[in-house]
PDB file of N, CA and C in Angstrom:
ATOM      1  N   GLN A   1      24.031   9.537   4.531  1.00  0.00           N
ATOM      2  CA  GLN A   1      25.279  10.143   4.013  1.00  0.00           C
ATOM      3  C   GLN A   1      25.040  10.996   2.756  1.00  0.00           C
ATOM      4  N   VAL A   2      24.002  10.715   2.154  1.00  0.00           N
ATOM      5  CA  VAL A   2      23.573  11.589   1.042  1.00  0.00           C
ATOM      6  C   VAL A   2      22.025  12.040   1.145  1.00  0.00           C
ATOM      7  N   GLN A   3      21.757  13.255   1.138  1.00  0.00           N
ATOM      8  CA  GLN A   3      20.535  13.817   1.258  1.00  0.00           C
ATOM      9  C   GLN A   3      20.034  14.341  -0.134  1.00  0.00           C
ATOM     10  N   LEU A   4      18.809  14.112  -0.554  1.00  0.00           N
ATOM     11  CA  LEU A   4      18.232  14.683  -1.763  1.00  0.00           C
ATOM     12  C   LEU A   4      17.019  15.564  -1.359  1.00  0.00           C
ATOM     13  N   VAL A   5      17.027  16.822  -1.785  1.00  0.00           N
ATOM     14  CA  VAL A   5      15.905  17.658  -1.444  1.00  0.00           C
ATOM     15  C   VAL A   5      15.300  18.116  -2.836  1.00  0.00           C
ATOM     16  N   GLU A   6      14.061  17.686  -2.984  1.00  0.00           N
ATOM     17  CA  GLU A   6      13.225  18.032  -4.170  1.00  0.00           C
ATOM     18  C   GLU A   6      12.386  19.243  -3.956  1.00  0.00           C
ATOM     19  N   SER A   7      12.127  19.926  -5.085  1.00  0.00           N
ATOM     20  CA  SER A   7      11.180  21.078  -5.034  1.00  0.00           C
ATOM     21  C   SER A   7      10.649  21.295  -6.411  1.00  0.00           C
ATOM     22  N   GLY A   8       9.534  22.104  -6.560  1.00  0.00           N
ATOM     23  CA  GLY A   8       9.026  22.526  -7.794  1.00  0.00           C
ATOM     24  C   GLY A   8       7.750  21.857  -8.252  1.00  0.00           C
ATOM     25  N   GLY A   9       7.222  20.809  -7.514  1.00  0.00           N
ATOM     26  CA  GLY A   9       5.979  20.345  -7.838  1.00  0.00           C
ATOM     27  C   GLY A   9       4.799  21.276  -7.636  1.00  0.00           C
ATOM     28  N   GLY A  10       3.664  20.843  -8.040  1.00  0.00           N
ATOM     29  CA  GLY A  10       2.472  21.679  -7.851  1.00  0.00           C
ATOM     30  C   GLY A  10       1.322  21.365  -8.841  1.00  0.00           C
ATOM     31  N   LEU A  11       0.455  22.246  -8.856  1.00  0.00           N
ATOM     32  CA  LEU A  11      -0.780  22.106  -9.753  1.00  0.00           C
ATOM     33  C   LEU A  11      -0.671  22.917 -11.019  1.00  0.00           C
ATOM     34  N   VAL A  12      -0.794  22.361 -12.125  1.00  0.00           N
ATOM     35  CA  VAL A  12      -0.680  23.132 -13.297  1.00  0.00           C
ATOM     36  C   VAL A  12      -1.705  22.783 -14.391  1.00  0.00           C
ATOM     37  N   GLN A  13      -2.211  23.639 -15.164  1.00  0.00           N
ATOM     38  CA  GLN A  13      -3.208  23.316 -16.164  1.00  0.00           C
ATOM     39  C   GLN A  13      -2.511  22.510 -17.306  1.00  0.00           C
ATOM     40  N   PRO A  14      -3.360  21.766 -18.046  1.00  0.00           N
ATOM     41  CA  PRO A  14      -2.863  21.052 -19.232  1.00  0.00           C
ATOM     42  C   PRO A  14      -2.268  22.027 -20.218  1.00  0.00           C
ATOM     43  N   GLY A  15      -1.074  21.673 -20.726  1.00  0.00           N
ATOM     44  CA  GLY A  15      -0.371  22.524 -21.653  1.00  0.00           C
ATOM     45  C   GLY A  15       0.612  23.384 -20.950  1.00  0.00           C
ATOM     46  N   GLY A  16       0.600  23.390 -19.704  1.00  0.00           N
ATOM     47  CA  GLY A  16       1.517  24.223 -18.855  1.00  0.00           C
ATOM     48  C   GLY A  16       2.858  23.545 -18.585  1.00  0.00           C
ATOM     49  N   SER A  17       3.624  24.341 -17.839  1.00  0.00           N
ATOM     50  CA  SER A  17       5.035  23.980 -17.650  1.00  0.00           C
ATOM     51  C   SER A  17       5.349  23.922 -16.075  1.00  0.00           C
ATOM     52  N   LEU A  18       6.362  23.126 -15.735  1.00  0.00           N
ATOM     53  CA  LEU A  18       6.890  23.120 -14.428  1.00  0.00           C
ATOM     54  C   LEU A  18       8.312  22.705 -14.472  1.00  0.00           C
ATOM     55  N   ARG A  19       8.989  23.166 -13.481  1.00  0.00           N
ATOM     56  CA  ARG A  19      10.418  22.760 -13.299  1.00  0.00           C
ATOM     57  C   ARG A  19      10.621  22.167 -11.939  1.00  0.00           C
ATOM     58  N   LEU A  20      11.179  20.969 -11.845  1.00  0.00           N
ATOM     59  CA  LEU A  20      11.525  20.283 -10.725  1.00  0.00           C
ATOM     60  C   LEU A  20      13.000  20.369 -10.512  1.00  0.00           C
ATOM     61  N   SER A  21      13.418  20.423  -9.177  1.00  0.00           N
ATOM     62  CA  SER A  21      14.758  20.530  -8.820  1.00  0.00           C
ATOM     63  C   SER A  21      15.107  19.498  -7.802  1.00  0.00           C
ATOM     64  N   CYS A  22      16.316  18.959  -7.783  1.00  0.00           N
ATOM     65  CA  CYS A  22      16.719  18.045  -6.744  1.00  0.00           C
ATOM     66  C   CYS A  22      18.169  18.351  -6.472  1.00  0.00           C
ATOM     67  N   ALA A  23      18.363  18.703  -5.196  1.00  0.00           N
ATOM     68  CA  ALA A  23      19.812  19.008  -4.797  1.00  0.00           C
ATOM     69  C   ALA A  23      20.293  17.921  -3.972  1.00  0.00           C
ATOM     70  N   ALA A  24      21.482  17.475  -4.316  1.00  0.00           N
ATOM     71  CA  ALA A  24      22.171  16.286  -3.542  1.00  0.00           C
ATOM     72  C   ALA A  24      23.294  16.881  -2.674  1.00  0.00           C
ATOM     73  N   SER A  25      23.353  16.438  -1.472  1.00  0.00           N
ATOM     74  CA  SER A  25      24.418  16.935  -0.507  1.00  0.00           C
ATOM     75  C   SER A  25      24.780  15.605   0.259  1.00  0.00           C
ATOM     76  N   GLY A  26      26.072  15.940   0.832  1.00  0.00           N
ATOM     77  CA  GLY A  26      26.623  14.834   1.651  1.00  0.00           C
ATOM     78  C   GLY A  26      27.979  14.466   1.226  1.00  0.00           C
ATOM     79  N   SER A  27      28.454  13.335   1.569  1.00  0.00           N
ATOM     80  CA  SER A  27      29.801  12.857   1.218  1.00  0.00           C
ATOM     81  C   SER A  27      29.964  12.284  -0.107  1.00  0.00           C
ATOM     82  N   ILE A  28      29.749  13.146  -1.064  1.00  0.00           N
ATOM     83  CA  ILE A  28      29.625  12.645  -2.431  1.00  0.00           C
ATOM     84  C   ILE A  28      31.020  12.889  -3.243  1.00  0.00           C
ATOM     85  N   ALA A  29      31.555  11.822  -3.773  1.00  0.00           N
ATOM     86  CA  ALA A  29      32.837  12.009  -4.479  1.00  0.00           C
ATOM     87  C   ALA A  29      32.432  12.218  -5.966  1.00  0.00           C
ATOM     88  N   SER A  30      31.487  11.562  -6.440  1.00  0.00           N
ATOM     89  CA  SER A  30      31.087  11.798  -7.796  1.00  0.00           C
ATOM     90  C   SER A  30      29.652  11.323  -7.937  1.00  0.00           C
ATOM     91  N   ILE A  31      28.828  11.796  -8.829  1.00  0.00           N
ATOM     92  CA  ILE A  31      27.525  11.435  -9.231  1.00  0.00           C
ATOM     93  C   ILE A  31      27.586  10.725 -10.557  1.00  0.00           C
ATOM     94  N   VAL A  32      27.125   9.470 -10.552  1.00  0.00           N
ATOM     95  CA  VAL A  32      27.265   8.695 -11.743  1.00  0.00           C
ATOM     96  C   VAL A  32      26.049   8.786 -12.693  1.00  0.00           C
ATOM     97  N   VAL A  33      24.921   8.768 -12.013  1.00  0.00           N
ATOM     98  CA  VAL A  33      23.622   8.898 -12.777  1.00  0.00           C
ATOM     99  C   VAL A  33      22.706   9.635 -11.834  1.00  0.00           C
ATOM    100  N   MET A  34      21.964  10.476 -12.652  1.00  0.00           N
ATOM    101  CA  MET A  34      20.756  11.260 -11.917  1.00  0.00           C
ATOM    102  C   MET A  34      19.563  11.010 -12.843  1.00  0.00           C
ATOM    103  N   GLU A  35      18.473  10.623 -12.059  1.00  0.00           N
ATOM    104  CA  GLU A  35      17.200  10.253 -12.803  1.00  0.00           C
ATOM    105  C   GLU A  35      16.092  10.956 -12.149  1.00  0.00           C
ATOM    106  N   TRP A  36      15.003  11.027 -12.884  1.00  0.00           N
ATOM    107  CA  TRP A  36      13.580  11.271 -12.411  1.00  0.00           C
ATOM    108  C   TRP A  36      12.741  10.149 -12.723  1.00  0.00           C
ATOM    109  N   ALA A  37      12.015   9.783 -11.752  1.00  0.00           N
ATOM    110  CA  ALA A  37      11.051   8.733 -11.932  1.00  0.00           C
ATOM    111  C   ALA A  37       9.662   9.222 -11.394  1.00  0.00           C
ATOM    112  N   ARG A  38       8.640   8.558 -11.863  1.00  0.00           N
ATOM    113  CA  ARG A  38       7.338   8.986 -11.267  1.00  0.00           C
ATOM    114  C   ARG A  38       6.523   7.758 -10.970  1.00  0.00           C
ATOM    115  N   GLN A  39       5.567   8.042 -10.051  1.00  0.00           N
ATOM    116  CA  GLN A  39       4.631   6.913  -9.719  1.00  0.00           C
ATOM    117  C   GLN A  39       3.214   7.559  -9.800  1.00  0.00           C
ATOM    118  N   ALA A  40       2.445   7.103 -10.776  1.00  0.00           N
ATOM    119  CA  ALA A  40       1.188   7.655 -11.000  1.00  0.00           C
ATOM    120  C   ALA A  40       0.113   7.034 -10.044  1.00  0.00           C
ATOM    121  N   PRO A  41      -1.009   7.702  -9.815  1.00  0.00           N
ATOM    122  CA  PRO A  41      -2.029   7.248  -8.882  1.00  0.00           C
ATOM    123  C   PRO A  41      -2.442   5.879  -9.237  1.00  0.00           C
ATOM    124  N   GLY A  42      -2.522   5.036  -8.264  1.00  0.00           N
ATOM    125  CA  GLY A  42      -2.994   3.703  -8.484  1.00  0.00           C
ATOM    126  C   GLY A  42      -2.004   2.707  -8.974  1.00  0.00           C
ATOM    127  N   LYS A  43      -0.766   3.234  -9.352  1.00  0.00           N
ATOM    128  CA  LYS A  43       0.162   2.379  -9.905  1.00  0.00           C
ATOM    129  C   LYS A  43       1.224   2.055  -8.755  1.00  0.00           C
ATOM    130  N   GLN A  44       1.655   0.814  -8.762  1.00  0.00           N
ATOM    131  CA  GLN A  44       2.673   0.368  -7.752  1.00  0.00           C
ATOM    132  C   GLN A  44       4.120   0.603  -8.157  1.00  0.00           C
ATOM    133  N   GLN A  45       4.362   0.555  -9.538  1.00  0.00           N
ATOM    134  CA  GLN A  45       5.710   0.857  -9.900  1.00  0.00           C
ATOM    135  C   GLN A  45       6.043   2.257 -10.305  1.00  0.00           C
ATOM    136  N   ARG A  46       7.308   2.596 -10.124  1.00  0.00           N
ATOM    137  CA  ARG A  46       7.745   3.829 -10.545  1.00  0.00           C
ATOM    138  C   ARG A  46       8.278   3.661 -11.926  1.00  0.00           C
ATOM    139  N   GLU A  47       8.056   4.756 -12.764  1.00  0.00           N
ATOM    140  CA  GLU A  47       8.591   4.694 -14.153  1.00  0.00           C
ATOM    141  C   GLU A  47       9.688   5.722 -14.366  1.00  0.00           C
ATOM    142  N   VAL A  48      10.869   5.316 -14.761  1.00  0.00           N
ATOM    143  CA  VAL A  48      11.927   6.322 -15.064  1.00  0.00           C
ATOM    144  C   VAL A  48      11.589   7.037 -16.218  1.00  0.00           C
ATOM    145  N   VAL A  49      11.479   8.383 -16.155  1.00  0.00           N
ATOM    146  CA  VAL A  49      11.091   9.178 -17.250  1.00  0.00           C
ATOM    147  C   VAL A  49      12.288   9.989 -17.857  1.00  0.00           C
ATOM    148  N   ALA A  50      13.317  10.147 -17.166  1.00  0.00           N
ATOM    149  CA  ALA A  50      14.532  10.825 -17.682  1.00  0.00           C
ATOM    150  C   ALA A  50      15.771  10.450 -16.835  1.00  0.00           C
ATOM    151  N   ARG A  51      16.841  10.228 -17.583  1.00  0.00           N
ATOM    152  CA  ARG A  51      18.134   9.886 -17.015  1.00  0.00           C
ATOM    153  C   ARG A  51      19.177  10.644 -17.634  1.00  0.00           C
ATOM    154  N   LEU A  52      20.161  11.109 -16.744  1.00  0.00           N
ATOM    155  CA  LEU A  52      21.406  11.814 -17.224  1.00  0.00           C
ATOM    156  C   LEU A  52      22.492  11.214 -16.607  1.00  0.00           C
ATOM    157  N   ARG A  53      23.455  10.729 -17.431  1.00  0.00           N
ATOM    158  CA  ARG A  53      24.674  10.101 -16.964  1.00  0.00           C
ATOM    159  C   ARG A  53      25.787  11.164 -16.853  1.00  0.00           C
ATOM    160  N   SER A  54      26.865  10.808 -16.147  1.00  0.00           N
ATOM    161  CA  SER A  54      27.895  11.711 -15.739  1.00  0.00           C
ATOM    162  C   SER A  54      28.524  12.244 -17.115  1.00  0.00           C
ATOM    163  N   GLY A  55      28.565  11.396 -18.072  1.00  0.00           N
ATOM    164  CA  GLY A  55      29.176  11.856 -19.285  1.00  0.00           C
ATOM    165  C   GLY A  55      28.268  12.687 -20.113  1.00  0.00           C
ATOM    166  N   GLY A  56      27.026  12.997 -19.758  1.00  0.00           N
ATOM    167  CA  GLY A  56      26.212  13.927 -20.493  1.00  0.00           C
ATOM    168  C   GLY A  56      25.148  13.186 -21.328  1.00  0.00           C
ATOM    169  N   THR A  57      25.187  11.914 -21.367  1.00  0.00           N
ATOM    170  CA  THR A  57      24.143  11.206 -22.117  1.00  0.00           C
ATOM    171  C   THR A  57      22.764  11.256 -21.418  1.00  0.00           C
ATOM    172  N   THR A  58      21.706  11.469 -22.248  1.00  0.00           N
ATOM    173  CA  THR A  58      20.462  11.526 -21.621  1.00  0.00           C
ATOM    174  C   THR A  58      19.536  10.567 -22.268  1.00  0.00           C
ATOM    175  N   ASN A  59      18.569  10.040 -21.585  1.00  0.00           N
ATOM    176  CA  ASN A  59      17.585   9.119 -22.013  1.00  0.00           C
ATOM    177  C   ASN A  59      16.161   9.447 -21.520  1.00  0.00           C
ATOM    178  N   TYR A  60      15.159   9.353 -22.345  1.00  0.00           N
ATOM    179  CA  TYR A  60      13.815   9.712 -21.962  1.00  0.00           C
ATOM    180  C   TYR A  60      12.799   8.551 -22.285  1.00  0.00           C
ATOM    181  N   ALA A  61      11.867   8.434 -21.455  1.00  0.00           N
ATOM    182  CA  ALA A  61      10.728   7.549 -21.722  1.00  0.00           C
ATOM    183  C   ALA A  61      10.043   8.124 -22.998  1.00  0.00           C
ATOM    184  N   ASP A  62       9.435   7.239 -23.710  1.00  0.00           N
ATOM    185  CA  ASP A  62       8.660   7.641 -24.927  1.00  0.00           C
ATOM    186  C   ASP A  62       7.562   8.566 -24.551  1.00  0.00           C
ATOM    187  N   SER A  63       6.992   8.338 -23.412  1.00  0.00           N
ATOM    188  CA  SER A  63       5.828   9.154 -22.988  1.00  0.00           C
ATOM    189  C   SER A  63       6.099  10.613 -22.768  1.00  0.00           C
ATOM    190  N   VAL A  64       7.340  10.966 -22.516  1.00  0.00           N
ATOM    191  CA  VAL A  64       7.818  12.377 -22.212  1.00  0.00           C
ATOM    192  C   VAL A  64       8.695  12.883 -23.233  1.00  0.00           C
ATOM    193  N   LYS A  65       9.161  12.198 -24.177  1.00  0.00           N
ATOM    194  CA  LYS A  65      10.191  12.582 -25.052  1.00  0.00           C
ATOM    195  C   LYS A  65       9.652  13.884 -25.872  1.00  0.00           C
ATOM    196  N   ASP A  66      10.644  14.790 -26.122  1.00  0.00           N
ATOM    197  CA  ASP A  66      10.362  16.014 -26.682  1.00  0.00           C
ATOM    198  C   ASP A  66       9.473  17.034 -25.835  1.00  0.00           C
ATOM    199  N   ARG A  67       9.122  16.592 -24.666  1.00  0.00           N
ATOM    200  CA  ARG A  67       8.360  17.495 -23.797  1.00  0.00           C
ATOM    201  C   ARG A  67       9.079  17.710 -22.409  1.00  0.00           C
ATOM    202  N   PHE A  68       9.841  16.832 -21.993  1.00  0.00           N
ATOM    203  CA  PHE A  68      10.665  16.883 -20.799  1.00  0.00           C
ATOM    204  C   PHE A  68      12.161  17.026 -21.217  1.00  0.00           C
ATOM    205  N   THR A  69      12.873  17.762 -20.344  1.00  0.00           N
ATOM    206  CA  THR A  69      14.330  17.937 -20.429  1.00  0.00           C
ATOM    207  C   THR A  69      15.030  17.815 -19.097  1.00  0.00           C
ATOM    208  N   ILE A  70      16.045  16.929 -19.043  1.00  0.00           N
ATOM    209  CA  ILE A  70      16.743  16.736 -17.798  1.00  0.00           C
ATOM    210  C   ILE A  70      18.121  17.526 -17.913  1.00  0.00           C
ATOM    211  N   SER A  71      18.536  18.221 -16.916  1.00  0.00           N
ATOM    212  CA  SER A  71      19.763  18.950 -16.926  1.00  0.00           C
ATOM    213  C   SER A  71      20.342  18.950 -15.592  1.00  0.00           C
ATOM    214  N   ARG A  72      21.598  19.392 -15.525  1.00  0.00           N
ATOM    215  CA  ARG A  72      22.296  19.329 -14.212  1.00  0.00           C
ATOM    216  C   ARG A  72      23.198  20.615 -14.028  1.00  0.00           C
ATOM    217  N   ASP A  73      23.279  21.005 -12.771  1.00  0.00           N
ATOM    218  CA  ASP A  73      24.175  22.027 -12.348  1.00  0.00           C
ATOM    219  C   ASP A  73      25.324  21.347 -11.582  1.00  0.00           C
ATOM    220  N   ASN A  74      26.408  21.049 -12.298  1.00  0.00           N
ATOM    221  CA  ASN A  74      27.382  20.241 -11.614  1.00  0.00           C
ATOM    222  C   ASN A  74      27.968  20.878 -10.343  1.00  0.00           C
ATOM    223  N   ALA A  75      28.096  22.202 -10.316  1.00  0.00           N
ATOM    224  CA  ALA A  75      28.730  22.885  -9.203  1.00  0.00           C
ATOM    225  C   ALA A  75      27.799  22.764  -7.918  1.00  0.00           C
ATOM    226  N   LYS A  76      26.544  22.633  -8.148  1.00  0.00           N
ATOM    227  CA  LYS A  76      25.548  22.583  -7.027  1.00  0.00           C
ATOM    228  C   LYS A  76      25.127  21.149  -6.810  1.00  0.00           C
ATOM    229  N   ASN A  77      25.571  20.093  -7.663  1.00  0.00           N
ATOM    230  CA  ASN A  77      25.042  18.742  -7.494  1.00  0.00           C
ATOM    231  C   ASN A  77      23.527  18.806  -7.489  1.00  0.00           C
ATOM    232  N   THR A  78      22.979  19.576  -8.527  1.00  0.00           N
ATOM    233  CA  THR A  78      21.490  19.715  -8.574  1.00  0.00           C
ATOM    234  C   THR A  78      21.049  19.224 -10.054  1.00  0.00           C
ATOM    235  N   VAL A  79      20.016  18.433  -9.969  1.00  0.00           N
ATOM    236  CA  VAL A  79      19.430  18.080 -11.218  1.00  0.00           C
ATOM    237  C   VAL A  79      18.081  18.655 -11.366  1.00  0.00           C
ATOM    238  N   PHE A  80      17.678  19.042 -12.635  1.00  0.00           N
ATOM    239  CA  PHE A  80      16.415  19.669 -12.968  1.00  0.00           C
ATOM    240  C   PHE A  80      15.667  18.781 -13.967  1.00  0.00           C
ATOM    241  N   LEU A  81      14.393  18.918 -13.903  1.00  0.00           N
ATOM    242  CA  LEU A  81      13.532  18.367 -14.822  1.00  0.00           C
ATOM    243  C   LEU A  81      12.532  19.481 -15.352  1.00  0.00           C
ATOM    244  N   ASP A  82      12.750  19.979 -16.512  1.00  0.00           N
ATOM    245  CA  ASP A  82      11.818  20.886 -17.137  1.00  0.00           C
ATOM    246  C   ASP A  82      10.790  20.137 -17.901  1.00  0.00           C
ATOM    247  N   MET A  83       9.498  20.347 -17.571  1.00  0.00           N
ATOM    248  CA  MET A  83       8.468  19.734 -18.104  1.00  0.00           C
ATOM    249  C   MET A  83       7.516  20.646 -18.798  1.00  0.00           C
ATOM    250  N   ASN A  84       7.293  20.456 -20.048  1.00  0.00           N
ATOM    251  CA  ASN A  84       6.477  21.309 -20.894  1.00  0.00           C
ATOM    252  C   ASN A  84       5.350  20.487 -21.511  1.00  0.00           C
ATOM    253  N   SER A  85       4.350  21.267 -22.036  1.00  0.00           N
ATOM    254  CA  SER A  85       3.177  20.733 -22.668  1.00  0.00           C
ATOM    255  C   SER A  85       2.646  19.552 -21.687  1.00  0.00           C
ATOM    256  N   LEU A  86       2.456  19.898 -20.592  1.00  0.00           N
ATOM    257  CA  LEU A  86       1.994  18.839 -19.578  1.00  0.00           C
ATOM    258  C   LEU A  86       0.686  18.305 -19.849  1.00  0.00           C
ATOM    259  N   LYS A  87       0.380  17.082 -19.600  1.00  0.00           N
ATOM    260  CA  LYS A  87      -0.952  16.416 -19.806  1.00  0.00           C
ATOM    261  C   LYS A  87      -1.387  15.807 -18.554  1.00  0.00           C
ATOM    262  N   PRO A  88      -2.758  15.663 -18.453  1.00  0.00           N
ATOM    263  CA  PRO A  88      -3.261  15.043 -17.210  1.00  0.00           C
ATOM    264  C   PRO A  88      -2.564  13.679 -16.888  1.00  0.00           C
ATOM    265  N   GLU A  89      -2.187  12.946 -17.944  1.00  0.00           N
ATOM    266  CA  GLU A  89      -1.520  11.679 -17.618  1.00  0.00           C
ATOM    267  C   GLU A  89      -0.076  11.864 -17.012  1.00  0.00           C
ATOM    268  N   ASP A  90       0.409  13.032 -17.044  1.00  0.00           N
ATOM    269  CA  ASP A  90       1.660  13.273 -16.336  1.00  0.00           C
ATOM    270  C   ASP A  90       1.535  13.389 -14.841  1.00  0.00           C
ATOM    271  N   THR A  91       0.279  13.370 -14.329  1.00  0.00           N
ATOM    272  CA  THR A  91       0.062  13.513 -12.903  1.00  0.00           C
ATOM    273  C   THR A  91       0.700  12.300 -12.208  1.00  0.00           C
ATOM    274  N   ALA A  92       1.524  12.630 -11.152  1.00  0.00           N
ATOM    275  CA  ALA A  92       2.171  11.611 -10.437  1.00  0.00           C
ATOM    276  C   ALA A  92       3.046  12.219  -9.345  1.00  0.00           C
ATOM    277  N   VAL A  93       3.509  11.372  -8.539  1.00  0.00           N
ATOM    278  CA  VAL A  93       4.592  11.779  -7.555  1.00  0.00           C
ATOM    279  C   VAL A  93       5.968  11.592  -8.281  1.00  0.00           C
ATOM    280  N   TYR A  94       6.742  12.667  -8.416  1.00  0.00           N
ATOM    281  CA  TYR A  94       8.047  12.565  -9.062  1.00  0.00           C
ATOM    282  C   TYR A  94       9.070  12.468  -8.161  1.00  0.00           C
ATOM    283  N   TYR A  95      10.011  11.497  -8.388  1.00  0.00           N
ATOM    284  CA  TYR A  95      11.087  11.193  -7.490  1.00  0.00           C
ATOM    285  C   TYR A  95      12.489  11.455  -8.104  1.00  0.00           C
ATOM    286  N   CYS A  96      13.350  11.933  -7.462  1.00  0.00           N
ATOM    287  CA  CYS A  96      14.695  12.143  -7.847  1.00  0.00           C
ATOM    288  C   CYS A  96      15.408  10.834  -7.420  1.00  0.00           C
ATOM    289  N   HIS A  97      16.333  10.339  -8.185  1.00  0.00           N
ATOM    290  CA  HIS A  97      17.123   9.124  -7.896  1.00  0.00           C
ATOM    291  C   HIS A  97      18.624   9.400  -8.357  1.00  0.00           C
ATOM    292  N   VAL A  98      19.539   9.116  -7.535  1.00  0.00           N
ATOM    293  CA  VAL A  98      20.950   9.305  -7.915  1.00  0.00           C
ATOM    294  C   VAL A  98      21.756   8.011  -7.564  1.00  0.00           C
ATOM    295  N   ASN A  99      22.767   7.734  -8.443  1.00  0.00           N
ATOM    296  CA  ASN A  99      23.724   6.751  -8.055  1.00  0.00           C
ATOM    297  C   ASN A  99      25.008   7.517  -7.868  1.00  0.00           C
ATOM    298  N   VAL A 100      25.665   7.350  -6.666  1.00  0.00           N
ATOM    299  CA  VAL A 100      26.852   8.103  -6.382  1.00  0.00           C
ATOM    300  C   VAL A 100      27.972   7.245  -5.836  1.00  0.00           C
ATOM    301  N   VAL A 101      29.179   7.845  -6.018  1.00  0.00           N
ATOM    302  CA  VAL A 101      30.326   7.182  -5.282  1.00  0.00           C
ATOM    303  C   VAL A 101      30.628   8.025  -4.097  1.00  0.00           C
ATOM    304  N   LEU A 102      30.736   7.546  -2.976  1.00  0.00           N
ATOM    305  CA  LEU A 102      30.943   8.318  -1.762  1.00  0.00           C
ATOM    306  C   LEU A 102      32.423   8.598  -1.609  1.00  0.00           C
ATOM    307  N   GLN A 103      32.713   9.606  -0.871  1.00  0.00           N
ATOM    308  CA  GLN A 103      34.133   9.963  -0.666  1.00  0.00           C
ATOM    309  C   GLN A 103      34.897   8.929   0.014  1.00  0.00           C
ATOM    310  N   GLY A 104      36.069   8.580  -0.436  1.00  0.00           N
ATOM    311  CA  GLY A 104      36.818   7.504   0.166  1.00  0.00           C
ATOM    312  C   GLY A 104      36.448   6.172  -0.249  1.00  0.00           C
ATOM    313  N   GLY A 105      35.440   6.026  -1.169  1.00  0.00           N
ATOM    314  CA  GLY A 105      35.044   4.648  -1.576  1.00  0.00           C
ATOM    315  C   GLY A 105      35.117   4.490  -3.008  1.00  0.00           C
ATOM    316  N   ARG A 106      34.763   3.286  -3.484  1.00  0.00           N
ATOM    317  CA  ARG A 106      34.695   2.976  -4.832  1.00  0.00           C
ATOM    318  C   ARG A 106      33.313   2.545  -5.374  1.00  0.00           C
ATOM    319  N   CYS A 107      32.468   1.987  -4.458  1.00  0.00           N
ATOM    320  CA  CYS A 107      31.179   1.499  -4.757  1.00  0.00           C
ATOM    321  C   CYS A 107      30.217   2.529  -5.119  1.00  0.00           C
ATOM    322  N   GLU A 108      29.236   2.171  -5.865  1.00  0.00           N
ATOM    323  CA  GLU A 108      28.121   3.070  -6.140  1.00  0.00           C
ATOM    324  C   GLU A 108      26.935   2.814  -5.189  1.00  0.00           C
ATOM    325  N   TYR A 109      26.315   3.827  -4.670  1.00  0.00           N
ATOM    326  CA  TYR A 109      25.138   3.696  -3.865  1.00  0.00           C
ATOM    327  C   TYR A 109      23.978   4.476  -4.407  1.00  0.00           C
ATOM    328  N   SER A 110      22.855   3.982  -4.160  1.00  0.00           N
ATOM    329  CA  SER A 110      21.648   4.476  -4.786  1.00  0.00           C
ATOM    330  C   SER A 110      20.729   5.206  -3.714  1.00  0.00           C
ATOM    331  N   TYR A 111      20.329   6.377  -4.027  1.00  0.00           N
ATOM    332  CA  TYR A 111      19.551   7.233  -3.117  1.00  0.00           C
ATOM    333  C   TYR A 111      18.293   7.800  -3.832  1.00  0.00           C
ATOM    334  N   TRP A 112      17.185   7.815  -3.064  1.00  0.00           N
ATOM    335  CA  TRP A 112      15.908   8.368  -3.598  1.00  0.00           C
ATOM    336  C   TRP A 112      15.573   9.657  -2.812  1.00  0.00           C
ATOM    337  N   GLY A 113      14.966  10.558  -3.594  1.00  0.00           N
ATOM    338  CA  GLY A 113      14.325  11.703  -2.892  1.00  0.00           C
ATOM    339  C   GLY A 113      12.952  11.317  -2.289  1.00  0.00           C
ATOM    340  N   GLN A 114      12.335  12.314  -1.589  1.00  0.00           N
ATOM    341  CA  GLN A 114      11.083  12.058  -0.797  1.00  0.00           C
ATOM    342  C   GLN A 114       9.925  12.190  -1.764  1.00  0.00           C
ATOM    343  N   GLY A 115      10.123  12.702  -3.015  1.00  0.00           N
ATOM    344  CA  GLY A 115       9.037  12.771  -3.962  1.00  0.00           C
ATOM    345  C   GLY A 115       8.318  14.067  -3.873  1.00  0.00           C
ATOM    346  N   THR A 116       7.898  14.586  -4.974  1.00  0.00           N
ATOM    347  CA  THR A 116       7.094  15.916  -5.060  1.00  0.00           C
ATOM    348  C   THR A 116       5.827  15.647  -5.979  1.00  0.00           C
ATOM    349  N   GLN A 117       4.749  16.137  -5.584  1.00  0.00           N
ATOM    350  CA  GLN A 117       3.535  15.889  -6.324  1.00  0.00           C
ATOM    351  C   GLN A 117       3.405  16.830  -7.472  1.00  0.00           C
ATOM    352  N   VAL A 118       3.051  16.290  -8.634  1.00  0.00           N
ATOM    353  CA  VAL A 118       2.760  17.108  -9.896  1.00  0.00           C
ATOM    354  C   VAL A 118       1.442  16.687 -10.206  1.00  0.00           C
ATOM    355  N   THR A 119       0.498  17.694 -10.250  1.00  0.00           N
ATOM    356  CA  THR A 119      -0.872  17.439 -10.736  1.00  0.00           C
ATOM    357  C   THR A 119      -1.274  18.298 -11.897  1.00  0.00           C
ATOM    358  N   VAL A 120      -1.686  17.634 -12.944  1.00  0.00           N
ATOM    359  CA  VAL A 120      -1.980  18.331 -14.107  1.00  0.00           C
ATOM    360  C   VAL A 120      -3.503  18.318 -14.358  1.00  0.00           C
ATOM    361  N   SER A 121      -4.255  19.308 -14.181  1.00  0.00           N
ATOM    362  CA  SER A 121      -5.717  19.378 -14.145  1.00  0.00           C
ATOM    363  C   SER A 121      -6.136  20.764 -14.463  1.00  0.00           C
ATOM    364  N   SER A 122      -7.348  20.787 -15.086  1.00  0.00           N
ATOM    365  CA  SER A 122      -7.972  22.119 -15.404  1.00  0.00           C
ATOM    366  C   SER A 122      -9.055  22.482 -14.354  1.00  0.00           C
TER     367      SER A 122
END
């Protein structure tokens, strides 16, 4: 019912920048929370690095604070992650995650994107 399409990953040198995008489509009445999480090589758990709530509140993991910025285009139901001053330890698969209320309903549902690889290496 909800599709998430991510783009923007790739290979970048340390100190470089990338912008990730995630477009949500489907029977969405409202988006409550949009997040970016990452799963580093060899790690089993995903780490939420940035969160944007519908009211505009943002939260960042300490590891990315002051380097990453999450933002949203409400008209296009798209969330962005601007990543600056990238470090090798930022290498991971990055996933978009949203909590939405579907049209005609009241409950929140959780959806994940397919993931996009970000590799920071010289």
